Amino acid sequence: MSKQPFRGTGTALVTPFKSDGSIDEKALRRLVDFQIADRIDMLLPCGTTGEGATLDTDETDRVIQIVIEQAAGRVPVIVGAGSNSTAKAVQRTRRAKQLGAGGVLSVGPYYNKPTQQGFYEHFKAIAEAENIPVVVYNVPGRTASNIEAATMLRLAGIRNIVGVKEASGNIAQIMEILRDRPAGFSVLSGDDSLTLAVIALGGDGVVSVVSNEVPGMMRAMVDAALEGNFTEARALNYRMLPLMNANFVEPNPIPVKAALAMMGMIEENYRLPLVPMSPPNRDRLRQLIESLGLVQHAAARK
């Protein structure tokens, strides 16, 4: 497999639930269509934003099936398939391939706190187990350990490890990866607010939370930056920045699901241990949604 880099704007898709806790399949299909109508480049279900840790095996399969079916080949679907157990991550990667995923997003092992060699062996085992593109997800704020640049560059030499979603927030580390990466290895921002900076340094795009709410605007910002039109990209970035920040005033995906509910896209239901947004933060979020005209935009896309 030659490296086929992922590029542009990918949405870390939420998983809508009904009030009884079951997956809201109709709302999920609506979200997929909303994303594609606004020309998103990639969809990434079953990750952190999709509350993937609370989905059982059958539910994960069903979410993947729905997203792939509804996308109907219009955009790649890259499935969250990681685990802190290498054996489980291999199983989930194989299952994603069986279901037709275009790639997997594989998070660094959480809680275990492996060494750098442990990270390397973990992802090497996943990549060697199944012939599918693998995007490594480095998010030390959730996993409690960082995949260092030297380790990431070693991983980039493995044939089907095709990119990284970098959410370390460490610009120096990201620059080191960008400087020394092999051809065809994608570097995608894992932080909405750092996307413009990462692209300016040579990055390839973003796996985004805010694009759940504003897929068209985020796509336009990323495209402008990738084309070198930083005047337009900065203007769009600063327009979205308050919403980017509001999406993380409480743990993701609490705010983004609240926002989508305000937009009429989903019911606002979570799985414990996540709970609804606090009233002061909710009021602030509602003001931002109204100021950006997102309720009207969502209604027009239905």
Protein backbone atom coordinates (compact mmCIF):
# COMPACT_ATOMS: atom_id res chain seq x y z
CA MET A 1 0.00 0.00 0.00
CA SER A 2 1.46 3.35 -1.02
CA LYS A 3 0.63 6.16 1.37
CA GLN A 4 -2.49 8.05 0.27
CA PRO A 5 -2.52 11.04 2.59
CA PHE A 6 -5.71 12.29 4.19
CA ARG A 7 -6.05 16.02 3.66
CA GLY A 8 -8.53 18.77 4.46
CA THR A 9 -11.28 18.89 7.06
CA GLY A 10 -12.49 15.79 8.88
CA THR A 11 -15.33 15.87 11.38
CA ALA A 12 -15.02 13.91 14.61
CA LEU A 13 -18.70 13.00 14.46
CA VAL A 14 -20.95 12.94 17.54
CA THR A 15 -23.17 9.93 18.20
CA PRO A 16 -26.80 11.00 18.70
CA PHE A 17 -28.77 9.10 21.35
CA LYS A 18 -32.47 8.86 22.06
CA SER A 19 -33.83 9.54 25.53
CA ASP A 20 -33.77 5.80 26.28
CA GLY A 21 -30.02 5.71 25.54
CA SER A 22 -30.26 3.93 22.20
CA ILE A 23 -28.57 5.23 19.07
CA ASP A 24 -30.72 7.72 17.18
CA GLU A 25 -30.14 6.30 13.71
CA LYS A 26 -32.31 8.86 11.94
CA ALA A 27 -30.43 11.76 13.53
CA LEU A 28 -27.08 10.15 12.70
CA ARG A 29 -28.03 9.87 9.04
CA ARG A 30 -29.17 13.50 9.11
CA LEU A 31 -25.83 14.56 10.55
CA VAL A 32 -23.92 12.71 7.84
CA ASP A 33 -25.97 14.41 5.13
CA PHE A 34 -25.53 17.80 6.82
CA GLN A 35 -21.76 17.32 6.83
CA ILE A 36 -21.56 16.22 3.22
CA ALA A 37 -23.91 18.97 2.03
CA ASP A 38 -21.43 21.47 3.48
CA ARG A 39 -18.58 19.70 1.65
CA ILE A 40 -16.67 18.15 4.51
CA ASP A 41 -13.69 16.03 3.39
CA MET A 42 -13.79 13.13 5.86
CA LEU A 43 -16.01 11.68 8.58
CA LEU A 44 -14.61 10.11 11.74
CA PRO A 45 -17.21 8.27 13.87
CA CYS A 46 -16.73 6.37 17.13
CA GLY A 47 -13.98 8.56 18.55
CA THR A 48 -13.88 10.70 21.68
CA THR A 49 -16.46 13.14 20.30
CA GLY A 50 -18.64 10.16 19.34
CA GLU A 51 -18.55 8.83 22.93
CA GLY A 52 -16.92 5.73 21.51
CA ALA A 53 -15.81 4.56 24.94
CA THR A 54 -19.46 4.04 25.95
CA LEU A 55 -20.52 2.12 22.81
CA ASP A 56 -20.64 -1.65 23.03
CA THR A 57 -19.43 -3.80 20.14
CA ASP A 58 -22.82 -4.10 18.43
CA GLU A 59 -23.46 -0.37 18.75
CA THR A 60 -20.03 0.48 17.35
CA ASP A 61 -20.68 -1.77 14.38
CA ARG A 62 -24.06 -0.16 13.81
CA VAL A 63 -22.70 3.40 13.93
CA ILE A 64 -19.97 2.47 11.45
CA GLN A 65 -22.48 0.77 9.16
CA ILE A 66 -24.84 3.75 9.18
CA VAL A 67 -22.14 6.33 8.52
CA ILE A 68 -20.60 4.31 5.68
CA GLU A 69 -23.99 3.56 4.18
CA GLN A 70 -25.18 7.16 4.39
CA ALA A 71 -21.90 8.57 3.12
CA ALA A 72 -22.27 6.25 0.14
CA GLY A 73 -18.70 6.73 -1.02
CA ARG A 74 -18.97 10.52 -1.14
CA VAL A 75 -16.27 11.00 1.53
CA PRO A 76 -13.84 8.68 3.30
CA VAL A 77 -14.99 7.24 6.64
CA ILE A 78 -12.15 6.80 9.12
CA VAL A 79 -13.29 4.82 12.14
CA GLY A 80 -12.18 5.22 15.74
CA ALA A 81 -10.75 1.77 16.49
CA GLY A 82 -8.20 2.29 19.23
CA SER A 83 -7.81 0.70 22.65
CA ASN A 84 -5.33 0.60 25.49
CA SER A 85 -5.16 -3.15 24.85
CA THR A 86 -3.16 -3.86 21.71
CA ALA A 87 -5.10 -7.09 21.13
CA LYS A 88 -8.43 -5.25 21.31
CA ALA A 89 -7.17 -2.50 19.02
CA VAL A 90 -6.17 -5.15 16.48
CA GLN A 91 -9.63 -6.74 16.72
CA ARG A 92 -11.37 -3.39 16.27
CA THR A 93 -9.15 -2.51 13.32
CA ARG A 94 -9.95 -5.80 11.61
CA ARG A 95 -13.66 -5.27 12.23
CA ALA A 96 -13.51 -1.74 10.79
CA LYS A 97 -11.92 -3.15 7.64
CA GLN A 98 -14.63 -5.83 7.39
CA LEU A 99 -17.34 -3.17 7.64
CA GLY A 100 -15.81 -1.14 4.82
CA ALA A 101 -14.02 1.69 6.61
CA GLY A 102 -11.56 3.73 4.56
CA GLY A 103 -9.15 3.90 7.48
CA VAL A 104 -8.90 3.78 11.25
CA LEU A 105 -8.03 6.39 13.85
CA SER A 106 -6.07 4.66 16.59
CA VAL A 107 -5.54 6.48 19.87
CA GLY A 108 -2.40 6.14 21.96
CA PRO A 109 -2.92 3.64 24.77
CA TYR A 110 -4.52 5.39 27.73
CA TYR A 111 -3.98 4.59 31.42
CA ASN A 112 -1.18 2.07 30.73
CA LYS A 113 1.38 4.88 30.13
CA PRO A 114 3.68 2.87 27.81
CA THR A 115 7.27 3.78 27.03
CA GLN A 116 8.11 5.18 23.60
CA GLN A 117 9.12 1.69 22.51
CA GLY A 118 5.78 0.44 23.81
CA PHE A 119 3.97 3.00 21.65
CA TYR A 120 5.96 1.88 18.64
CA GLU A 121 5.26 -1.82 19.17
CA HIS A 122 1.56 -1.14 19.81
CA PHE A 123 0.97 0.71 16.55
CA LYS A 124 3.29 -1.57 14.58
CA ALA A 125 1.20 -4.56 15.67
CA ILE A 126 -2.01 -2.82 14.59
CA ALA A 127 -0.58 -1.82 11.22
CA GLU A 128 0.80 -5.28 10.50
CA ALA A 129 -2.44 -7.02 11.48
CA GLU A 130 -4.63 -5.48 8.78
CA ASN A 131 -4.04 -3.83 5.42
CA ILE A 132 -5.91 -0.59 6.11
CA PRO A 133 -4.70 3.02 6.46
CA VAL A 134 -3.95 3.85 10.10
CA VAL A 135 -3.96 7.39 11.50
CA VAL A 136 -2.30 7.60 14.92
CA TYR A 137 -4.09 9.83 17.45
CA ASN A 138 -1.83 11.56 19.95
CA VAL A 139 -3.87 13.21 22.71
CA PRO A 140 -1.83 13.33 25.94
CA GLY A 141 -4.52 15.33 27.75
CA ARG A 142 -6.74 12.24 27.68
CA THR A 143 -4.24 9.38 27.58
CA ALA A 144 -1.76 10.73 30.17
CA SER A 145 1.24 10.03 27.94
CA ASN A 146 2.74 11.67 24.86
CA ILE A 147 3.93 10.04 21.65
CA GLU A 148 7.15 11.93 21.04
CA ALA A 149 8.17 13.23 17.62
CA ALA A 150 10.98 10.69 17.24
CA THR A 151 8.54 7.85 17.87
CA MET A 152 5.97 9.29 15.48
CA LEU A 153 8.61 9.55 12.78
CA ARG A 154 9.56 5.90 13.32
CA LEU A 155 5.88 4.98 12.96
CA ALA A 156 5.64 7.07 9.79
CA GLY A 157 8.08 4.64 8.20
CA ILE A 158 5.56 1.80 8.49
CA ARG A 159 3.79 1.24 5.19
CA ASN A 160 0.15 1.72 6.17
CA ILE A 161 0.56 4.22 9.01
CA VAL A 162 -0.43 7.19 6.89
CA GLY A 163 -0.79 10.08 9.31
CA VAL A 164 -1.24 11.53 12.76
CA LYS A 165 -3.98 13.48 14.45
CA GLU A 166 -1.77 15.63 16.68
CA ALA A 167 -3.57 16.96 19.76
CA SER A 168 -0.58 17.43 22.04
CA GLY A 169 -0.80 21.22 21.73
CA ASN A 170 3.00 21.20 21.49
CA ILE A 171 3.84 23.29 18.43
CA ALA A 172 7.56 22.51 18.68
CA GLN A 173 6.80 18.80 18.58
CA ILE A 174 4.43 19.22 15.64
CA MET A 175 7.07 21.21 13.74
CA GLU A 176 9.61 18.46 14.28
CA ILE A 177 7.22 15.91 12.77
CA LEU A 178 6.42 18.23 9.85
CA ARG A 179 10.09 18.87 9.16
CA ASP A 180 11.16 15.25 9.08
CA ARG A 181 8.09 13.27 7.98
CA PRO A 182 8.29 11.08 4.87
CA ALA A 183 6.34 11.91 1.73
CA GLY A 184 2.65 11.02 1.97
CA PHE A 185 2.45 11.14 5.78
CA SER A 186 -0.41 13.44 6.83
CA VAL A 187 -0.20 15.73 9.85
CA LEU A 188 -3.69 16.74 10.95
CA SER A 189 -4.38 19.15 13.78
CA GLY A 190 -6.30 17.61 16.66
CA ASP A 191 -7.11 21.02 18.13
CA ASP A 192 -9.50 23.31 16.28
CA SER A 193 -7.88 26.46 17.61
CA LEU A 194 -4.41 25.40 16.40
CA THR A 195 -5.49 24.33 12.92
CA LEU A 196 -4.51 27.54 11.17
CA ALA A 197 -1.08 27.50 12.82
CA VAL A 198 -0.49 23.83 11.96
CA ILE A 199 -1.39 24.39 8.30
CA ALA A 200 0.79 27.50 8.14
CA LEU A 201 3.68 25.32 9.32
CA GLY A 202 3.00 22.75 6.59
CA GLY A 203 0.21 20.60 8.02
CA ASP A 204 -2.52 18.96 5.98
CA GLY A 205 -5.75 19.82 7.78
CA VAL A 206 -7.74 18.97 10.88
CA VAL A 207 -9.87 16.39 12.62
CA SER A 208 -12.38 18.85 13.98
CA VAL A 209 -15.01 19.11 16.69
CA VAL A 210 -16.37 22.51 15.66
CA SER A 211 -17.11 21.22 12.16
CA ASN A 212 -20.01 19.29 13.69
CA GLU A 213 -21.68 22.68 14.03
CA VAL A 214 -20.04 24.67 11.20
CA PRO A 215 -18.75 22.17 8.63
CA GLY A 216 -18.90 24.62 5.74
CA MET A 217 -17.12 27.40 7.58
CA MET A 218 -14.39 25.12 8.89
CA ARG A 219 -13.90 23.60 5.45
CA ALA A 220 -13.65 27.08 3.93
CA MET A 221 -11.04 28.13 6.50
CA VAL A 222 -8.93 25.01 5.99
CA ASP A 223 -9.16 25.24 2.20
CA ALA A 224 -8.14 28.90 2.24
CA ALA A 225 -5.15 28.13 4.46
CA LEU A 226 -4.08 25.16 2.33
CA GLU A 227 -4.25 27.42 -0.73
CA GLY A 228 -2.10 30.06 0.98
CA ASN A 229 -4.92 32.59 1.32
CA PHE A 230 -4.20 33.45 4.93
CA THR A 231 -6.16 36.72 4.89
CA GLU A 232 -9.40 34.81 4.33
CA ALA A 233 -8.33 31.94 6.57
CA ARG A 234 -7.59 34.29 9.49
CA ALA A 235 -10.93 36.04 9.13
CA LEU A 236 -12.82 32.73 9.24
CA ASN A 237 -10.66 31.41 12.06
CA TYR A 238 -11.37 34.42 14.27
CA ARG A 239 -15.06 34.23 13.46
CA MET A 240 -15.19 30.62 14.68
CA LEU A 241 -12.75 31.01 17.58
CA PRO A 242 -15.37 31.84 20.26
CA LEU A 243 -17.31 28.71 19.29
CA MET A 244 -14.13 26.62 19.23
CA ASN A 245 -13.39 27.76 22.77
CA ALA A 246 -16.98 27.28 23.95
CA ASN A 247 -16.87 23.68 22.76
CA PHE A 248 -14.32 22.95 25.48
CA VAL A 249 -15.64 24.90 28.47
CA GLU A 250 -16.87 21.49 29.61
CA PRO A 251 -15.54 18.09 28.53
CA ASN A 252 -16.05 17.23 24.88
CA PRO A 253 -18.63 16.34 23.56
CA ILE A 254 -20.96 17.96 26.11
CA PRO A 255 -20.98 21.46 24.53
CA VAL A 256 -21.03 20.34 20.90
CA LYS A 257 -24.00 18.04 21.52
CA ALA A 258 -25.78 20.85 23.33
CA ALA A 259 -25.13 23.12 20.35
CA LEU A 260 -26.40 20.56 17.85
CA ALA A 261 -29.54 20.14 19.93
CA MET A 262 -30.07 23.92 19.86
CA MET A 263 -29.69 23.72 16.08
CA GLY A 264 -32.42 21.07 15.90
CA MET A 265 -30.07 18.38 14.60
CA ILE A 266 -30.17 15.93 17.53
CA GLU A 267 -31.74 15.36 20.92
CA GLU A 268 -29.45 16.39 23.76
CA ASN A 269 -28.73 13.03 25.34
CA TYR A 270 -25.46 11.75 26.80
CA ARG A 271 -24.20 8.60 28.38
CA LEU A 272 -22.87 8.67 31.91
CA PRO A 273 -20.46 9.75 33.16
CA LEU A 274 -21.18 12.73 30.87
CA VAL A 275 -24.04 14.97 31.98
CA PRO A 276 -25.84 17.98 30.47
CA MET A 277 -24.15 21.36 30.27
CA SER A 278 -24.35 23.80 33.18
CA PRO A 279 -26.83 26.71 32.77
CA PRO A 280 -24.25 29.57 32.60
CA ASN A 281 -22.20 27.81 29.94
CA ARG A 282 -25.36 26.84 28.07
CA ASP A 283 -26.47 30.47 27.93
CA ARG A 284 -23.10 31.53 26.54
CA LEU A 285 -23.21 28.77 23.94
CA ARG A 286 -26.74 29.69 22.87
CA GLN A 287 -25.67 33.29 22.27
CA LEU A 288 -22.84 32.10 20.02
CA ILE A 289 -25.14 29.78 18.08
CA GLU A 290 -27.56 32.64 17.51
CA SER A 291 -24.86 35.13 16.53
CA LEU A 292 -23.54 32.74 13.87
CA GLY A 293 -27.00 32.01 12.47
CA LEU A 294 -26.53 28.28 12.90
CA VAL A 295 -30.16 27.42 13.67
CA GLN A 296 -31.27 28.92 10.36
CA HIS A 297 -28.42 27.27 8.46
CA ALA A 298 -29.23 23.84 9.88
CA ALA A 299 -32.91 24.28 9.07
CA ALA A 300 -32.07 25.16 5.48
CA ARG A 301 -30.00 21.99 5.12
CA LYS A 302 -32.73 19.62 6.32
